[in-house]
Each structure stands twice: as C-alpha cells, then as structure tokens.
C-alpha cells in the first residue's frame, strides 16, 4: 500500500485534514497526486514528509519555516531535535511519528536509527511505556480500520520483537531463583510483544522465566508447568474471545495448579468480564507488573 487519502494522513500525523490543505496551498508543503476523479492521494514519501514536519513544529510561527525545507533538510532537523531534546513527552510523540513513518515505508534502517536514538533517551521500560505501546496502539487501530495492510502491521511488529529479543539476550546470566514463571499465549493468539516484554522484565529482575510463545495448546502448558515446577503462570489474552471460553481456561488452571500463582494480562474489555478470584492477578499496566516483581 503506497497510496493514502488526506483523512489517513490526518490519522497518522494528528494534523487535521483542513490544516494539511492549508499547508499545501500556502507553503507547498506536500505535492499530492490526483486520481482520475481529481481526488487527492499521497504516497509513502509524502506521508513521511508530513510526519517529519509534524515532529518539528512547536508553534504556528514555525510552520512555514519547516514546510519550505527539502526532504533532506527535514531529516537532518529531526535528528538534531532528538539529540538536543530533554522533554520526555515531546520526545515520545516525535519517536512515535518517526517510527510510524519508517514502518509504513518498510524502512528498517531508519526504524533502527530512530529506535537507537530513543533507547539512548529512555531506559527500555520507559521506552516501552511511552513509545512502543502507543505506537502499537496506533498501528493496531489503523490496521483494524483497514487503513494499513497487514503486511505493514507485521513489519513494524517484527522489528519491535527483534529489539526486545536483542535486549533480553544482552542481559547478564541469571542466577538461580526461587521463582519459576511460565509464559504463553493460548491457542489462536499470535501477538506476542507484550508477553515477550514481560519475559524481558522477568529476566531483568533475575527470575527464572520459561517463555513458551504464542498459540500454545493447553495440554502443552500443563505438561511444562509440571515439568519445571512453575511457581507462576502468566497468560496473555489479546483478541476478544468468548468470555465463557476464557473463564473455563482460567478455571482449569486454578483447579490443576492450586499452588501456582496465575496472572493474566491483555485485552481489558475481555478480562473485565471474567470472574477472577484471589488466586488470579490481573496485570493491567507495566507498572502493575513491576510491583509484582
């Protein structure tokens, strides 16, 4: 997909469509293509340019200054701003815009460069909270609304998975722990970024973490928990399944492993409809999980 409507540009950038049109008319900020029906459409290059401009402006007086710059000059200004900025909230917003632009354009090199800048600015847990989660939420909403194809969502998700794997592998060897955690996504669940980051946090905290990944059959989880003598079971539920089905899954875990602490996380709308007793903890945020560790 390399053609975007002005409404899609608004969703990606947060800049209102009528404002984009004004910038085009006054400053020649973008050069949209025209369909046979004379409808504006924009390619990935134009989207990236808009996201660069959106990253840089901090007031109406700066709009003309940045709209008149070349693409190369804009890219240099963005990097310079990252290097001198000291505002967490502003930095995070800019990183989200830039990572989105790189992902939409399948530009792994730029994605890696921006991510490295962000990793210098924030520790990895803060980076995950302020940048990665909002980025994934934005991409997920755009994908669910069929604003971007699955390939772009997968491309961005896989780049993030690579970063989390690298951060986990860079941790020092873990010492023996009294706690053994098993982590999984049930059958039919494939979005593992949150689960994988939980694995990173457990390893960082010195816990013994057994990462079983996505789409795990229930019997396989049972046998692993028994084999490793797990003290904790963490399960993520991402898509909205039937609450009754998920409740049965959790009840089976409670019945089978009375001595294990069971933790669930993921889809708030789904988990809020479950009957969770005192044996089950609902991890709603990264900070919730930090408290558990």
Protein backbone atom coordinates (compact mmCIF):
# COMPACT_ATOMS: atom_id res chain seq x y z
CA UNK A 1 0.00 0.00 0.00
CA UNK A 2 1.57 3.25 -1.10
CA UNK A 3 -1.44 5.50 -1.56
CA UNK A 4 -3.09 7.42 1.26
CA UNK A 5 -6.07 9.74 1.44
CA UNK A 6 -5.87 13.02 3.31
CA UNK A 7 -8.02 11.54 6.09
CA UNK A 8 -5.46 8.76 6.51
CA UNK A 9 -2.68 11.34 6.72
CA UNK A 10 -4.68 13.00 9.49
CA UNK A 11 -4.86 9.71 11.42
CA UNK A 12 -1.14 9.03 11.07
CA UNK A 13 0.07 12.53 11.91
CA UNK A 14 -2.58 14.04 14.17
CA UNK A 15 -2.68 17.06 11.83
CA UNK A 16 -6.23 17.96 10.79
CA UNK A 17 -7.09 17.47 7.12
CA UNK A 18 -8.06 21.12 6.62
CA UNK A 19 -4.70 22.17 8.14
CA UNK A 20 -2.85 19.90 5.72
CA UNK A 21 -4.70 21.53 2.84
CA UNK A 22 -3.76 25.00 4.12
CA UNK A 23 -0.09 23.97 4.36
CA UNK A 24 -0.24 22.68 0.80
CA UNK A 25 -1.77 25.90 -0.51
CA UNK A 26 0.33 28.39 1.47
CA UNK A 27 3.69 26.64 1.70
CA UNK A 28 3.62 23.87 -0.92
CA UNK A 29 4.32 21.51 1.97
CA UNK A 30 3.11 18.41 0.12
CA UNK A 31 2.52 17.60 -3.53
CA UNK A 32 -0.42 15.21 -3.70
CA UNK A 33 -1.17 13.13 -6.74
CA UNK A 34 -4.57 13.31 -8.38
CA UNK A 35 -6.79 10.40 -9.31
CA UNK A 36 -8.86 10.30 -12.49
CA UNK A 37 -11.71 11.66 -10.39
CA UNK A 38 -9.46 14.53 -9.25
CA UNK A 39 -9.19 13.17 -5.68
CA UNK A 40 -6.02 13.90 -3.73
CA UNK A 41 -3.87 10.93 -2.77
CA UNK A 42 -0.41 10.77 -1.23
CA UNK A 43 2.39 8.24 -1.47
CA UNK A 44 4.62 6.99 1.34
CA UNK A 45 7.21 9.64 0.56
CA UNK A 46 4.65 12.41 1.14
CA UNK A 47 3.45 10.76 4.34
CA UNK A 48 7.00 10.61 5.69
CA UNK A 49 7.50 14.30 4.83
CA UNK A 50 4.33 15.25 6.72
CA UNK A 51 5.37 13.21 9.77
CA UNK A 52 8.78 14.92 9.76
CA UNK A 53 7.11 18.33 9.69
CA UNK A 54 4.73 17.29 12.48
CA UNK A 55 7.72 16.16 14.57
CA UNK A 56 9.41 19.53 14.27
CA UNK A 57 6.74 22.19 14.68
CA UNK A 58 6.19 23.56 18.17
CA UNK A 59 4.06 26.56 17.24
CA UNK A 60 2.19 28.09 14.32
CA UNK A 61 5.04 30.51 13.65
CA UNK A 62 7.33 27.60 12.74
CA UNK A 63 5.06 26.03 10.12
CA UNK A 64 6.31 27.96 7.11
CA UNK A 65 9.93 27.50 8.19
CA UNK A 66 9.73 23.71 8.11
CA UNK A 67 7.27 23.31 5.24
CA UNK A 68 9.72 25.09 2.94
CA UNK A 69 12.64 22.79 3.75
CA UNK A 70 13.71 19.96 1.44
CA UNK A 71 13.23 16.35 2.50
CA UNK A 72 16.94 16.02 3.28
CA UNK A 73 16.92 19.18 5.40
CA UNK A 74 13.84 17.97 7.30
CA UNK A 75 15.52 14.65 8.08
CA UNK A 76 18.59 16.43 9.45
CA UNK A 77 16.43 18.74 11.60
CA UNK A 78 14.55 15.75 13.05
CA UNK A 79 17.79 14.03 14.13
CA UNK A 80 19.12 17.28 15.59
CA UNK A 81 15.94 17.75 17.59
CA UNK A 82 16.15 14.23 19.01
CA UNK A 83 19.74 14.82 20.09
CA UNK A 84 19.07 18.04 21.98
CA UNK A 85 15.55 17.44 23.32
CA UNK A 86 15.00 16.93 27.05
CA UNK A 87 11.22 16.61 27.26
CA UNK A 88 10.01 13.04 27.76
CA UNK A 89 6.51 13.68 26.43
CA UNK A 90 7.66 15.62 23.36
CA UNK A 91 10.39 13.10 22.61
CA UNK A 92 7.97 10.19 22.85
CA UNK A 93 5.49 11.82 20.49
CA UNK A 94 8.21 12.51 17.95
CA UNK A 95 9.62 9.00 18.16
CA UNK A 96 6.14 7.55 17.58
CA UNK A 97 5.69 9.67 14.46
CA UNK A 98 9.11 8.77 13.08
CA UNK A 99 8.84 5.05 13.81
CA UNK A 100 5.40 5.02 12.19
CA UNK A 101 6.80 6.72 9.07
CA UNK A 102 9.68 4.24 8.82
CA UNK A 103 7.38 1.26 9.33
CA UNK A 104 4.84 2.40 6.75
CA UNK A 105 7.68 2.79 4.23
CA UNK A 106 9.25 -0.61 5.11
CA UNK A 107 12.41 1.27 6.01
CA UNK A 108 14.15 -0.96 8.56
CA UNK A 109 17.36 1.12 8.58
CA UNK A 110 15.58 4.35 9.55
CA UNK A 111 13.43 2.47 12.07
CA UNK A 112 16.62 1.12 13.66
CA UNK A 113 18.25 4.57 13.71
CA UNK A 114 15.24 6.23 15.39
CA UNK A 115 14.89 3.36 17.85
CA UNK A 116 18.56 3.71 18.83
CA UNK A 117 18.04 7.42 19.48
CA UNK A 118 15.02 6.58 21.63
CA UNK A 119 16.97 3.90 23.51
CA UNK A 120 19.63 6.48 24.39
CA UNK A 121 16.94 8.86 25.62
CA UNK A 122 14.96 6.38 27.74
CA UNK A 123 15.64 3.21 29.68
CA UNK A 124 13.94 0.28 27.98
CA UNK A 125 10.94 0.09 30.33
CA UNK A 126 10.19 3.80 29.92
CA UNK A 127 10.70 3.42 26.17
CA UNK A 128 8.20 0.59 26.12
CA UNK A 129 5.60 2.57 28.09
CA UNK A 130 5.96 5.93 26.35
CA UNK A 131 6.79 4.91 22.78
CA UNK A 132 6.26 1.25 21.94
CA UNK A 133 2.81 0.75 23.47
CA UNK A 134 1.36 3.95 21.93
CA UNK A 135 2.99 3.08 18.60
CA UNK A 136 1.45 -0.40 18.63
CA UNK A 137 -1.92 1.02 19.64
CA UNK A 138 -1.81 3.48 16.74
CA UNK A 139 -0.75 0.84 14.24
CA UNK A 140 -3.31 -1.62 15.60
CA UNK A 141 -6.14 0.89 15.25
CA UNK A 142 -5.09 1.74 11.70
CA UNK A 143 -4.84 -1.93 10.81
CA UNK A 144 -8.19 -2.80 12.39
CA UNK A 145 -9.80 0.05 10.47
CA UNK A 146 -8.22 -1.27 7.26
CA UNK A 147 -6.19 1.94 6.94
CA UNK A 148 -2.98 -0.02 6.51
CA UNK A 149 -2.49 -3.57 5.21
CA UNK A 150 -1.50 -6.50 7.47
CA UNK A 151 1.99 -6.52 5.93
CA UNK A 152 2.84 -3.09 7.38
CA UNK A 153 1.49 -4.01 10.80
CA UNK A 154 3.51 -7.25 10.72
CA UNK A 155 6.64 -5.42 9.56
CA UNK A 156 6.50 -2.95 12.45
CA UNK A 157 5.64 -5.64 15.00
CA UNK A 158 8.50 -7.87 13.89
CA UNK A 159 11.01 -5.02 14.11
CA UNK A 160 9.91 -4.41 17.70
CA UNK A 161 10.11 -8.12 18.50
CA UNK A 162 13.70 -8.10 17.25
CA UNK A 163 14.54 -5.20 19.59
CA UNK A 164 13.06 -6.96 22.62
CA UNK A 165 14.88 -10.21 21.76
CA UNK A 166 18.14 -8.27 21.48
CA UNK A 167 17.59 -6.53 24.83
CA UNK A 168 16.83 -9.87 26.50
CA UNK A 169 19.89 -11.56 25.02
CA UNK A 170 22.07 -8.69 26.24
CA UNK A 171 21.13 -9.27 29.88
CA UNK A 172 23.73 -10.90 32.14
CA UNK A 173 23.30 -14.58 33.01
CA UNK A 174 20.58 -15.15 35.59
CA UNK A 175 21.34 -16.61 38.99
CA UNK A 176 19.21 -19.34 40.50
CA UNK A 177 15.80 -18.02 41.55
CA UNK A 178 13.14 -19.33 43.91
CA UNK A 179 10.51 -18.33 41.34
CA UNK A 180 9.91 -20.09 38.03
CA UNK A 181 7.50 -18.41 35.64
CA UNK A 182 5.89 -19.95 32.57
CA UNK A 183 4.64 -17.50 29.94
CA UNK A 184 2.39 -18.20 26.97
CA UNK A 185 -0.35 -17.13 24.61
CA UNK A 186 -3.19 -19.67 24.28
CA UNK A 187 -4.11 -21.38 21.02
CA UNK A 188 -5.27 -18.87 18.43
CA UNK A 189 -3.28 -15.99 19.94
CA UNK A 190 -0.26 -14.74 17.97
CA UNK A 191 0.50 -11.15 19.07
CA UNK A 192 3.35 -11.79 21.48
CA UNK A 193 5.04 -8.42 22.00
CA UNK A 194 3.52 -7.85 25.44
CA UNK A 195 4.32 -11.38 26.54
CA UNK A 196 7.88 -11.16 25.23
CA UNK A 197 8.45 -7.88 27.03
CA UNK A 198 7.16 -9.49 30.24
CA UNK A 199 9.78 -12.20 29.70
CA UNK A 200 12.44 -9.48 29.39
CA UNK A 201 11.29 -7.85 32.63
CA UNK A 202 11.35 -11.17 34.47
CA UNK A 203 14.85 -11.95 33.23
CA UNK A 204 15.99 -8.45 34.16
CA UNK A 205 14.57 -8.99 37.66
CA UNK A 206 16.51 -12.26 37.99
CA UNK A 207 13.52 -14.59 37.80
CA UNK A 208 13.58 -17.95 36.04
CA UNK A 209 11.33 -17.32 33.02
CA UNK A 210 10.20 -20.10 30.69
CA UNK A 211 8.96 -18.41 27.53
CA UNK A 212 6.61 -20.69 25.60
CA UNK A 213 5.47 -18.18 23.00
CA UNK A 214 2.22 -17.99 21.06
CA UNK A 215 -0.52 -20.41 20.01
CA UNK A 216 0.31 -22.89 22.79
CA UNK A 217 -2.04 -25.88 23.26
CA UNK A 218 -3.43 -26.10 26.78
CA UNK A 219 -2.00 -29.60 27.34
CA UNK A 220 1.47 -28.36 26.42
CA UNK A 221 1.22 -25.62 29.06
CA UNK A 222 0.08 -28.14 31.66
CA UNK A 223 2.95 -30.54 30.98
CA UNK A 224 5.54 -27.74 31.03
CA UNK A 225 4.27 -26.28 34.31
CA UNK A 226 4.51 -29.74 35.86
CA UNK A 227 7.96 -30.45 34.44
CA UNK A 228 9.60 -27.18 35.51
CA UNK A 229 7.64 -26.98 38.79
CA UNK A 230 6.49 -23.48 37.98
CA UNK A 231 5.50 -21.12 40.77
CA UNK A 232 3.80 -18.60 38.45
CA UNK A 233 1.82 -18.82 35.21
CA UNK A 234 1.40 -15.70 33.07
CA UNK A 235 -1.07 -15.84 30.18
CA UNK A 236 -1.88 -13.03 27.74
CA UNK A 237 -5.29 -12.79 26.05
CA UNK A 238 -5.10 -10.33 23.15
CA UNK A 239 -8.10 -10.71 20.87
CA UNK A 240 -11.67 -10.66 22.14
CA UNK A 241 -12.62 -14.32 22.57
CA UNK A 242 -15.81 -15.58 24.20
CA UNK A 243 -15.51 -14.69 27.91
CA UNK A 244 -17.04 -18.05 28.86
CA UNK A 245 -14.32 -19.88 26.95
CA UNK A 246 -11.53 -17.88 28.56
CA UNK A 247 -13.13 -18.30 32.01
CA UNK A 248 -13.11 -22.05 31.52
CA UNK A 249 -9.42 -21.89 30.56
CA UNK A 250 -8.54 -19.98 33.73
CA UNK A 251 -10.72 -22.18 35.94
CA UNK A 252 -8.91 -25.23 34.58
CA UNK A 253 -5.56 -23.69 35.51
CA UNK A 254 -6.77 -22.86 39.01
CA UNK A 255 -8.07 -26.40 39.51
CA UNK A 256 -4.98 -28.06 38.08
CA UNK A 257 -2.38 -25.95 39.89
CA UNK A 258 -3.62 -24.92 43.30
CA UNK A 259 -0.11 -23.97 44.44
CA UNK A 260 0.67 -21.72 41.44
CA UNK A 261 0.08 -18.01 41.20
CA UNK A 262 -1.81 -17.28 38.00
CA UNK A 263 -1.55 -13.92 36.27
CA UNK A 264 -3.45 -12.66 33.23
CA UNK A 265 -2.99 -9.63 31.02
CA UNK A 266 -4.02 -8.22 27.66
CA UNK A 267 -7.49 -7.33 26.42
CA UNK A 268 -9.12 -5.09 29.06
CA UNK A 269 -12.63 -5.46 27.62
CA UNK A 270 -12.35 -9.24 27.79
CA UNK A 271 -10.62 -9.63 31.15
CA UNK A 272 -13.01 -7.20 32.86
CA UNK A 273 -15.83 -9.69 32.15
CA UNK A 274 -14.06 -12.59 33.85
CA UNK A 275 -14.59 -13.79 37.40
CA UNK A 276 -11.09 -13.60 38.86
CA UNK A 277 -10.73 -14.93 42.40
CA UNK A 278 -7.90 -14.28 44.83
CA UNK A 279 -5.70 -16.86 43.08
CA UNK A 280 -5.59 -14.80 39.86
CA UNK A 281 -3.89 -11.41 39.43
CA UNK A 282 -4.84 -9.10 36.57
CA UNK A 283 -1.81 -7.20 35.26
CA UNK A 284 -3.26 -4.04 33.73
CA UNK A 285 -0.10 -2.00 33.14
CA UNK A 286 3.68 -2.26 33.05
CA UNK A 287 3.76 -0.57 36.46
CA UNK A 288 1.42 -3.25 37.82
CA UNK A 289 3.88 -5.87 36.68
CA UNK A 290 6.85 -4.04 38.19
CA UNK A 291 5.08 -4.10 41.56
CA UNK A 292 4.63 -7.87 41.25
CA UNK A 293 8.35 -8.28 40.71
